[in-house]
Amino acid sequence: MSRSPPGVSRRGLVRHGLIWAGGGALIGTGLAAPAASAQGAKLAPAVAHYQETPKGKAECDTCASFLAPSGCKLVTGKISPSGWCMLYAAKH
């Protein structure tokens, strides 16, 4: 049985490995919005889980990525000002 270096646990290594693997999976599916927007690519509405109704008080016209009257910096197609998607980020 091998020993881990001091201060490193097997549980910690597994946990960090799963986090890195999960991040890679997000990039592979196109859910890594900052990477997509940095390259100028937009996501399909289905990938962003876009819906034409708000989620509580969160809606597209209060999102930092909304482009009036019906566009988005991150999602393709016509976007309703009262819609919502998982990439929502409130304007500051």
PDB file of N, CA and C in Angstrom:
ATOM      1  N   MET A   1       0.843  -1.183   0.000  1.00  0.00           N
ATOM      2  CA  MET A   1       0.000   0.000   0.000  1.00  0.00           C
ATOM      3  C   MET A   1       0.883   1.239   0.000  1.00  0.00           C
ATOM      4  N   SER A   2       0.628   2.165  -0.929  1.00  0.00           N
ATOM      5  CA  SER A   2       1.437   3.384  -1.007  1.00  0.00           C
ATOM      6  C   SER A   2       0.831   4.466  -0.124  1.00  0.00           C
ATOM      7  N   ARG A   3       1.664   5.377   0.270  1.00  0.00           N
ATOM      8  CA  ARG A   3       1.223   6.479   1.114  1.00  0.00           C
ATOM      9  C   ARG A   3       1.113   7.749   0.280  1.00  0.00           C
ATOM     10  N   SER A   4       0.126   8.564   0.606  1.00  0.00           N
ATOM     11  CA  SER A   4      -0.043   9.857  -0.053  1.00  0.00           C
ATOM     12  C   SER A   4       0.962  10.842   0.504  1.00  0.00           C
ATOM     13  N   PRO A   5       1.355  11.855  -0.283  1.00  0.00           N
ATOM     14  CA  PRO A   5       2.230  12.891   0.246  1.00  0.00           C
ATOM     15  C   PRO A   5       1.558  13.586   1.430  1.00  0.00           C
ATOM     16  N   PRO A   6       2.329  14.141   2.345  1.00  0.00           N
ATOM     17  CA  PRO A   6       1.749  14.822   3.513  1.00  0.00           C
ATOM     18  C   PRO A   6       0.763  15.908   3.092  1.00  0.00           C
ATOM     19  N   GLY A   7      -0.387  15.951   3.746  1.00  0.00           N
ATOM     20  CA  GLY A   7      -1.399  16.968   3.462  1.00  0.00           C
ATOM     21  C   GLY A   7      -2.311  16.646   2.296  1.00  0.00           C
ATOM     22  N   VAL A   8      -2.116  15.482   1.661  1.00  0.00           N
ATOM     23  CA  VAL A   8      -2.951  15.098   0.525  1.00  0.00           C
ATOM     24  C   VAL A   8      -3.680  13.810   0.895  1.00  0.00           C
ATOM     25  N   SER A   9      -4.991  13.834   0.817  1.00  0.00           N
ATOM     26  CA  SER A   9      -5.778  12.637   1.118  1.00  0.00           C
ATOM     27  C   SER A   9      -6.298  12.013  -0.169  1.00  0.00           C
ATOM     28  N   ARG A  10      -6.554  10.742  -0.107  1.00  0.00           N
ATOM     29  CA  ARG A  10      -7.121  10.044  -1.253  1.00  0.00           C
ATOM     30  C   ARG A  10      -8.485  10.639  -1.596  1.00  0.00           C
ATOM     31  N   ARG A  11      -9.285  10.943  -0.569  1.00  0.00           N
ATOM     32  CA  ARG A  11     -10.610  11.539  -0.779  1.00  0.00           C
ATOM     33  C   ARG A  11     -10.493  12.884  -1.494  1.00  0.00           C
ATOM     34  N   GLY A  12      -9.527  13.700  -1.086  1.00  0.00           N
ATOM     35  CA  GLY A  12      -9.320  15.001  -1.729  1.00  0.00           C
ATOM     36  C   GLY A  12      -8.930  14.863  -3.185  1.00  0.00           C
ATOM     37  N   LEU A  13      -8.057  13.900  -3.466  1.00  0.00           N
ATOM     38  CA  LEU A  13      -7.655  13.676  -4.859  1.00  0.00           C
ATOM     39  C   LEU A  13      -8.840  13.253  -5.712  1.00  0.00           C
ATOM     40  N   VAL A  14      -9.674  12.354  -5.191  1.00  0.00           N
ATOM     41  CA  VAL A  14     -10.850  11.902  -5.938  1.00  0.00           C
ATOM     42  C   VAL A  14     -11.809  13.062  -6.153  1.00  0.00           C
ATOM     43  N   ARG A  15     -12.048  13.846  -5.108  1.00  0.00           N
ATOM     44  CA  ARG A  15     -12.974  14.977  -5.214  1.00  0.00           C
ATOM     45  C   ARG A  15     -12.509  15.965  -6.279  1.00  0.00           C
ATOM     46  N   HIS A  16     -11.221  16.319  -6.251  1.00  0.00           N
ATOM     47  CA  HIS A  16     -10.714  17.279  -7.239  1.00  0.00           C
ATOM     48  C   HIS A  16     -10.706  16.682  -8.642  1.00  0.00           C
ATOM     49  N   GLY A  17     -10.462  15.388  -8.741  1.00  0.00           N
ATOM     50  CA  GLY A  17     -10.511  14.730 -10.042  1.00  0.00           C
ATOM     51  C   GLY A  17     -11.902  14.771 -10.638  1.00  0.00           C
ATOM     52  N   LEU A  18     -12.924  14.573  -9.787  1.00  0.00           N
ATOM     53  CA  LEU A  18     -14.300  14.631 -10.273  1.00  0.00           C
ATOM     54  C   LEU A  18     -14.682  16.033 -10.695  1.00  0.00           C
ATOM     55  N   ILE A  19     -14.194  17.029  -9.967  1.00  0.00           N
ATOM     56  CA  ILE A  19     -14.486  18.417 -10.340  1.00  0.00           C
ATOM     57  C   ILE A  19     -13.870  18.728 -11.699  1.00  0.00           C
ATOM     58  N   TRP A  20     -12.614  18.336 -11.899  1.00  0.00           N
ATOM     59  CA  TRP A  20     -11.971  18.590 -13.192  1.00  0.00           C
ATOM     60  C   TRP A  20     -12.655  17.830 -14.313  1.00  0.00           C
ATOM     61  N   ALA A  21     -13.046  16.592 -14.049  1.00  0.00           N
ATOM     62  CA  ALA A  21     -13.747  15.806 -15.072  1.00  0.00           C
ATOM     63  C   ALA A  21     -15.083  16.448 -15.419  1.00  0.00           C
ATOM     64  N   GLY A  22     -15.795  16.943 -14.421  1.00  0.00           N
ATOM     65  CA  GLY A  22     -17.071  17.617 -14.660  1.00  0.00           C
ATOM     66  C   GLY A  22     -16.903  18.864 -15.496  1.00  0.00           C
ATOM     67  N   GLY A  23     -15.860  19.627 -15.228  1.00  0.00           N
ATOM     68  CA  GLY A  23     -15.583  20.824 -16.023  1.00  0.00           C
ATOM     69  C   GLY A  23     -15.300  20.476 -17.469  1.00  0.00           C
ATOM     70  N   GLY A  24     -14.566  19.398 -17.685  1.00  0.00           N
ATOM     71  CA  GLY A  24     -14.295  18.947 -19.041  1.00  0.00           C
ATOM     72  C   GLY A  24     -15.564  18.520 -19.757  1.00  0.00           C
ATOM     73  N   ALA A  25     -16.464  17.882 -19.019  1.00  0.00           N
ATOM     74  CA  ALA A  25     -17.732  17.460 -19.607  1.00  0.00           C
ATOM     75  C   ALA A  25     -18.560  18.667 -20.028  1.00  0.00           C
ATOM     76  N   LEU A  26     -18.560  19.724 -19.211  1.00  0.00           N
ATOM     77  CA  LEU A  26     -19.308  20.929 -19.566  1.00  0.00           C
ATOM     78  C   LEU A  26     -18.763  21.565 -20.832  1.00  0.00           C
ATOM     79  N   ILE A  27     -17.450  21.600 -20.948  1.00  0.00           N
ATOM     80  CA  ILE A  27     -16.848  22.176 -22.145  1.00  0.00           C
ATOM     81  C   ILE A  27     -17.226  21.341 -23.362  1.00  0.00           C
ATOM     82  N   GLY A  28     -17.213  20.021 -23.214  1.00  0.00           N
ATOM     83  CA  GLY A  28     -17.556  19.130 -24.318  1.00  0.00           C
ATOM     84  C   GLY A  28     -18.998  19.264 -24.774  1.00  0.00           C
ATOM     85  N   THR A  29     -19.906  19.632 -23.875  1.00  0.00           N
ATOM     86  CA  THR A  29     -21.311  19.760 -24.248  1.00  0.00           C
ATOM     87  C   THR A  29     -21.682  21.166 -24.679  1.00  0.00           C
ATOM     88  N   GLY A  30     -20.757  22.103 -24.561  1.00  0.00           N
ATOM     89  CA  GLY A  30     -21.046  23.472 -24.957  1.00  0.00           C
ATOM     90  C   GLY A  30     -21.680  24.292 -23.856  1.00  0.00           C
ATOM     91  N   LEU A  31     -21.673  23.805 -22.622  1.00  0.00           N
ATOM     92  CA  LEU A  31     -22.292  24.541 -21.534  1.00  0.00           C
ATOM     93  C   LEU A  31     -21.317  25.506 -20.856  1.00  0.00           C
ATOM     94  N   ALA A  32     -20.134  25.587 -21.333  1.00  0.00           N
ATOM     95  CA  ALA A  32     -19.164  26.513 -20.766  1.00  0.00           C
ATOM     96  C   ALA A  32     -19.345  27.860 -21.448  1.00  0.00           C
ATOM     97  N   ALA A  33     -20.286  28.646 -20.997  1.00  0.00           N
ATOM     98  CA  ALA A  33     -20.675  29.896 -21.644  1.00  0.00           C
ATOM     99  C   ALA A  33     -19.533  30.889 -21.791  1.00  0.00           C
ATOM    100  N   PRO A  34     -18.703  31.128 -20.757  1.00  0.00           N
ATOM    101  CA  PRO A  34     -17.631  32.092 -20.947  1.00  0.00           C
ATOM    102  C   PRO A  34     -16.689  31.698 -22.083  1.00  0.00           C
ATOM    103  N   ALA A  35     -16.369  30.428 -22.204  1.00  0.00           N
ATOM    104  CA  ALA A  35     -15.494  29.994 -23.286  1.00  0.00           C
ATOM    105  C   ALA A  35     -16.169  30.190 -24.630  1.00  0.00           C
ATOM    106  N   ALA A  36     -17.446  29.888 -24.703  1.00  0.00           N
ATOM    107  CA  ALA A  36     -18.183  30.029 -25.962  1.00  0.00           C
ATOM    108  C   ALA A  36     -18.256  31.495 -26.365  1.00  0.00           C
ATOM    109  N   SER A  37     -18.581  32.380 -25.424  1.00  0.00           N
ATOM    110  CA  SER A  37     -18.716  33.782 -25.771  1.00  0.00           C
ATOM    111  C   SER A  37     -17.371  34.407 -26.119  1.00  0.00           C
ATOM    112  N   ALA A  38     -16.295  33.928 -25.511  1.00  0.00           N
ATOM    113  CA  ALA A  38     -14.970  34.463 -25.811  1.00  0.00           C
ATOM    114  C   ALA A  38     -14.572  34.146 -27.246  1.00  0.00           C
ATOM    115  N   GLN A  39     -15.077  33.037 -27.772  1.00  0.00           N
ATOM    116  CA  GLN A  39     -14.770  32.638 -29.135  1.00  0.00           C
ATOM    117  C   GLN A  39     -15.802  33.154 -30.128  1.00  0.00           C
ATOM    118  N   GLY A  40     -16.829  33.841 -29.641  1.00  0.00           N
ATOM    119  CA  GLY A  40     -17.847  34.377 -30.520  1.00  0.00           C
ATOM    120  C   GLY A  40     -18.950  33.385 -30.851  1.00  0.00           C
ATOM    121  N   ALA A  41     -18.899  32.181 -30.299  1.00  0.00           N
ATOM    122  CA  ALA A  41     -19.918  31.169 -30.562  1.00  0.00           C
ATOM    123  C   ALA A  41     -21.116  31.393 -29.650  1.00  0.00           C
ATOM    124  N   LYS A  42     -22.296  31.035 -30.149  1.00  0.00           N
ATOM    125  CA  LYS A  42     -23.516  31.120 -29.353  1.00  0.00           C
ATOM    126  C   LYS A  42     -24.077  29.726 -29.172  1.00  0.00           C
ATOM    127  N   LEU A  43     -24.828  29.541 -28.106  1.00  0.00           N
ATOM    128  CA  LEU A  43     -25.440  28.263 -27.814  1.00  0.00           C
ATOM    129  C   LEU A  43     -26.851  28.201 -28.383  1.00  0.00           C
ATOM    130  N   ALA A  44     -27.280  27.011 -28.709  1.00  0.00           N
ATOM    131  CA  ALA A  44     -28.665  26.791 -29.124  1.00  0.00           C
ATOM    132  C   ALA A  44     -29.568  26.989 -27.911  1.00  0.00           C
ATOM    133  N   PRO A  45     -30.785  27.473 -28.116  1.00  0.00           N
ATOM    134  CA  PRO A  45     -31.701  27.666 -26.988  1.00  0.00           C
ATOM    135  C   PRO A  45     -31.898  26.415 -26.136  1.00  0.00           C
ATOM    136  N   ALA A  46     -31.968  25.255 -26.757  1.00  0.00           N
ATOM    137  CA  ALA A  46     -32.166  24.012 -26.001  1.00  0.00           C
ATOM    138  C   ALA A  46     -30.982  23.721 -25.081  1.00  0.00           C
ATOM    139  N   VAL A  47     -29.782  23.991 -25.542  1.00  0.00           N
ATOM    140  CA  VAL A  47     -28.585  23.753 -24.724  1.00  0.00           C
ATOM    141  C   VAL A  47     -28.565  24.689 -23.524  1.00  0.00           C
ATOM    142  N   ALA A  48     -29.018  25.928 -23.702  1.00  0.00           N
ATOM    143  CA  ALA A  48     -29.055  26.910 -22.625  1.00  0.00           C
ATOM    144  C   ALA A  48     -30.303  26.760 -21.755  1.00  0.00           C
ATOM    145  N   HIS A  49     -31.162  25.801 -22.084  1.00  0.00           N
ATOM    146  CA  HIS A  49     -32.429  25.590 -21.368  1.00  0.00           C
ATOM    147  C   HIS A  49     -33.286  26.858 -21.402  1.00  0.00           C
ATOM    148  N   TYR A  50     -33.311  27.502 -22.571  1.00  0.00           N
ATOM    149  CA  TYR A  50     -34.097  28.727 -22.747  1.00  0.00           C
ATOM    150  C   TYR A  50     -35.586  28.414 -22.681  1.00  0.00           C
ATOM    151  N   GLN A  51     -36.319  29.299 -22.021  1.00  0.00           N
ATOM    152  CA  GLN A  51     -37.784  29.222 -21.982  1.00  0.00           C
ATOM    153  C   GLN A  51     -38.328  30.627 -22.205  1.00  0.00           C
ATOM    154  N   GLU A  52     -39.504  30.743 -22.777  1.00  0.00           N
ATOM    155  CA  GLU A  52     -40.078  32.049 -23.096  1.00  0.00           C
ATOM    156  C   GLU A  52     -40.766  32.715 -21.912  1.00  0.00           C
ATOM    157  N   THR A  53     -40.703  32.101 -20.757  1.00  0.00           N
ATOM    158  CA  THR A  53     -41.296  32.673 -19.543  1.00  0.00           C
ATOM    159  C   THR A  53     -40.194  32.926 -18.515  1.00  0.00           C
ATOM    160  N   PRO A  54     -40.373  33.922 -17.648  1.00  0.00           N
ATOM    161  CA  PRO A  54     -39.348  34.213 -16.646  1.00  0.00           C
ATOM    162  C   PRO A  54     -39.258  33.128 -15.582  1.00  0.00           C
ATOM    163  N   LYS A  55     -38.177  33.147 -14.840  1.00  0.00           N
ATOM    164  CA  LYS A  55     -38.017  32.257 -13.691  1.00  0.00           C
ATOM    165  C   LYS A  55     -37.997  33.159 -12.462  1.00  0.00           C
ATOM    166  N   GLY A  56     -39.156  33.304 -11.841  1.00  0.00           N
ATOM    167  CA  GLY A  56     -39.279  34.248 -10.728  1.00  0.00           C
ATOM    168  C   GLY A  56     -39.114  35.658 -11.252  1.00  0.00           C
ATOM    169  N   LYS A  57     -38.236  36.424 -10.629  1.00  0.00           N
ATOM    170  CA  LYS A  57     -37.973  37.801 -11.070  1.00  0.00           C
ATOM    171  C   LYS A  57     -36.887  37.872 -12.137  1.00  0.00           C
ATOM    172  N   ALA A  58     -36.245  36.749 -12.415  1.00  0.00           N
ATOM    173  CA  ALA A  58     -35.181  36.711 -13.415  1.00  0.00           C
ATOM    174  C   ALA A  58     -35.785  36.567 -14.804  1.00  0.00           C
ATOM    175  N   GLU A  59     -35.501  37.518 -15.667  1.00  0.00           N
ATOM    176  CA  GLU A  59     -35.954  37.439 -17.054  1.00  0.00           C
ATOM    177  C   GLU A  59     -34.936  38.100 -17.958  1.00  0.00           C
ATOM    178  N   CYS A  60     -34.985  37.760 -19.220  1.00  0.00           N
ATOM    179  CA  CYS A  60     -33.961  38.183 -20.175  1.00  0.00           C
ATOM    180  C   CYS A  60     -33.707  39.687 -20.206  1.00  0.00           C
ATOM    181  N   ASP A  61     -34.746  40.520 -20.131  1.00  0.00           N
ATOM    182  CA  ASP A  61     -34.509  41.958 -20.244  1.00  0.00           C
ATOM    183  C   ASP A  61     -33.761  42.545 -19.045  1.00  0.00           C
ATOM    184  N   THR A  62     -33.560  41.749 -17.980  1.00  0.00           N
ATOM    185  CA  THR A  62     -32.728  42.202 -16.851  1.00  0.00           C
ATOM    186  C   THR A  62     -31.395  41.469 -16.820  1.00  0.00           C
ATOM    187  N   CYS A  63     -31.092  40.736 -17.880  1.00  0.00           N
ATOM    188  CA  CYS A  63     -29.845  39.971 -17.978  1.00  0.00           C
ATOM    189  C   CYS A  63     -28.764  40.801 -18.673  1.00  0.00           C
ATOM    190  N   ALA A  64     -27.534  40.643 -18.228  1.00  0.00           N
ATOM    191  CA  ALA A  64     -26.402  41.374 -18.805  1.00  0.00           C
ATOM    192  C   ALA A  64     -26.137  40.988 -20.257  1.00  0.00           C
ATOM    193  N   SER A  65     -26.599  39.825 -20.695  1.00  0.00           N
ATOM    194  CA  SER A  65     -26.339  39.360 -22.059  1.00  0.00           C
ATOM    195  C   SER A  65     -27.462  39.679 -23.041  1.00  0.00           C
ATOM    196  N   PHE A  66     -28.564  40.246 -22.570  1.00  0.00           N
ATOM    197  CA  PHE A  66     -29.703  40.540 -23.444  1.00  0.00           C
ATOM    198  C   PHE A  66     -29.377  41.686 -24.387  1.00  0.00           C
ATOM    199  N   LEU A  67     -29.749  41.522 -25.648  1.00  0.00           N
ATOM    200  CA  LEU A  67     -29.578  42.550 -26.676  1.00  0.00           C
ATOM    201  C   LEU A  67     -30.967  42.950 -27.167  1.00  0.00           C
ATOM    202  N   ALA A  68     -31.436  44.127 -26.765  1.00  0.00           N
ATOM    203  CA  ALA A  68     -32.771  44.599 -27.149  1.00  0.00           C
ATOM    204  C   ALA A  68     -32.848  44.759 -28.663  1.00  0.00           C
ATOM    205  N   PRO A  69     -33.945  44.489 -29.306  1.00  0.00           N
ATOM    206  CA  PRO A  69     -35.220  44.149 -28.705  1.00  0.00           C
ATOM    207  C   PRO A  69     -35.431  42.653 -28.486  1.00  0.00           C
ATOM    208  N   SER A  70     -34.667  41.769 -29.188  1.00  0.00           N
ATOM    209  CA  SER A  70     -34.956  40.338 -29.055  1.00  0.00           C
ATOM    210  C   SER A  70     -33.746  39.454 -29.331  1.00  0.00           C
ATOM    211  N   GLY A  71     -32.596  39.846 -28.810  1.00  0.00           N
ATOM    212  CA  GLY A  71     -31.384  39.071 -29.045  1.00  0.00           C
ATOM    213  C   GLY A  71     -30.626  38.781 -27.762  1.00  0.00           C
ATOM    214  N   CYS A  72     -29.573  37.986 -27.901  1.00  0.00           N
ATOM    215  CA  CYS A  72     -28.743  37.610 -26.757  1.00  0.00           C
ATOM    216  C   CYS A  72     -27.308  37.430 -27.228  1.00  0.00           C
ATOM    217  N   LYS A  73     -26.367  37.798 -26.374  1.00  0.00           N
ATOM    218  CA  LYS A  73     -24.945  37.616 -26.678  1.00  0.00           C
ATOM    219  C   LYS A  73     -24.539  36.148 -26.630  1.00  0.00           C
ATOM    220  N   LEU A  74     -25.286  35.317 -25.900  1.00  0.00           N
ATOM    221  CA  LEU A  74     -24.879  33.936 -25.661  1.00  0.00           C
ATOM    222  C   LEU A  74     -25.759  32.874 -26.307  1.00  0.00           C
ATOM    223  N   VAL A  75     -27.008  33.222 -26.659  1.00  0.00           N
ATOM    224  CA  VAL A  75     -27.968  32.251 -27.181  1.00  0.00           C
ATOM    225  C   VAL A  75     -28.429  32.688 -28.567  1.00  0.00           C
ATOM    226  N   THR A  76     -28.546  31.748 -29.485  1.00  0.00           N
ATOM    227  CA  THR A  76     -28.973  32.048 -30.857  1.00  0.00           C
ATOM    228  C   THR A  76     -30.481  32.245 -30.938  1.00  0.00           C
ATOM    229  N   GLY A  77     -30.914  32.873 -32.006  1.00  0.00           N
ATOM    230  CA  GLY A  77     -32.334  33.009 -32.296  1.00  0.00           C
ATOM    231  C   GLY A  77     -32.996  34.197 -31.631  1.00  0.00           C
ATOM    232  N   LYS A  78     -34.325  34.268 -31.838  1.00  0.00           N
ATOM    233  CA  LYS A  78     -35.127  35.347 -31.261  1.00  0.00           C
ATOM    234  C   LYS A  78     -35.367  35.052 -29.788  1.00  0.00           C
ATOM    235  N   ILE A  79     -35.069  36.041 -28.943  1.00  0.00           N
ATOM    236  CA  ILE A  79     -35.174  35.893 -27.493  1.00  0.00           C
ATOM    237  C   ILE A  79     -36.250  36.837 -26.969  1.00  0.00           C
ATOM    238  N   SER A  80     -37.169  36.299 -26.195  1.00  0.00           N
ATOM    239  CA  SER A  80     -38.227  37.108 -25.598  1.00  0.00           C
ATOM    240  C   SER A  80     -37.677  37.901 -24.411  1.00  0.00           C
ATOM    241  N   PRO A  81     -38.004  39.198 -24.306  1.00  0.00           N
ATOM    242  CA  PRO A  81     -37.551  39.974 -23.151  1.00  0.00           C
ATOM    243  C   PRO A  81     -38.024  39.388 -21.816  1.00  0.00           C
ATOM    244  N   SER A  82     -39.128  38.650 -21.841  1.00  0.00           N
ATOM    245  CA  SER A  82     -39.628  38.045 -20.603  1.00  0.00           C
ATOM    246  C   SER A  82     -39.222  36.573 -20.483  1.00  0.00           C
ATOM    247  N   GLY A  83     -38.278  36.121 -21.303  1.00  0.00           N
ATOM    248  CA  GLY A  83     -37.792  34.743 -21.243  1.00  0.00           C
ATOM    249  C   GLY A  83     -36.732  34.567 -20.167  1.00  0.00           C
ATOM    250  N   TRP A  84     -36.143  33.373 -20.132  1.00  0.00           N
ATOM    251  CA  TRP A  84     -35.098  33.056 -19.153  1.00  0.00           C
ATOM    252  C   TRP A  84     -34.305  31.858 -19.653  1.00  0.00           C
ATOM    253  N   CYS A  85     -33.025  31.771 -19.276  1.00  0.00           N
ATOM    254  CA  CYS A  85     -32.221  30.571 -19.526  1.00  0.00           C
ATOM    255  C   CYS A  85     -31.221  30.398 -18.386  1.00  0.00           C
ATOM    256  N   MET A  86     -30.547  29.267 -18.357  1.00  0.00           N
ATOM    257  CA  MET A  86     -29.628  28.972 -17.270  1.00  0.00           C
ATOM    258  C   MET A  86     -28.372  29.837 -17.284  1.00  0.00           C
ATOM    259  N   LEU A  87     -28.160  30.614 -18.325  1.00  0.00           N
ATOM    260  CA  LEU A  87     -26.998  31.503 -18.400  1.00  0.00           C
ATOM    261  C   LEU A  87     -27.314  32.900 -17.846  1.00  0.00           C
ATOM    262  N   TYR A  88     -28.508  33.055 -17.295  1.00  0.00           N
ATOM    263  CA  TYR A  88     -28.952  34.362 -16.768  1.00  0.00           C
ATOM    264  C   TYR A  88     -27.934  34.928 -15.781  1.00  0.00           C
ATOM    265  N   ALA A  89     -27.609  36.219 -15.988  1.00  0.00           N
ATOM    266  CA  ALA A  89     -26.733  36.964 -15.059  1.00  0.00           C
ATOM    267  C   ALA A  89     -27.311  38.371 -14.969  1.00  0.00           C
ATOM    268  N   ALA A  90     -27.751  38.741 -13.778  1.00  0.00           N
ATOM    269  CA  ALA A  90     -28.381  40.048 -13.575  1.00  0.00           C
ATOM    270  C   ALA A  90     -27.445  41.194 -13.950  1.00  0.00           C
ATOM    271  N   LYS A  91     -28.027  42.232 -14.543  1.00  0.00           N
ATOM    272  CA  LYS A  91     -27.247  43.441 -14.835  1.00  0.00           C
ATOM    273  C   LYS A  91     -26.836  44.079 -13.521  1.00  0.00           C
ATOM    274  N   HIS A  92     -25.690  44.685 -13.523  1.00  0.00           N
ATOM    275  CA  HIS A  92     -25.209  45.353 -12.294  1.00  0.00           C
ATOM    276  C   HIS A  92     -25.531  46.812 -12.300  1.00  0.00           C
TER     277      HIS A  92
END
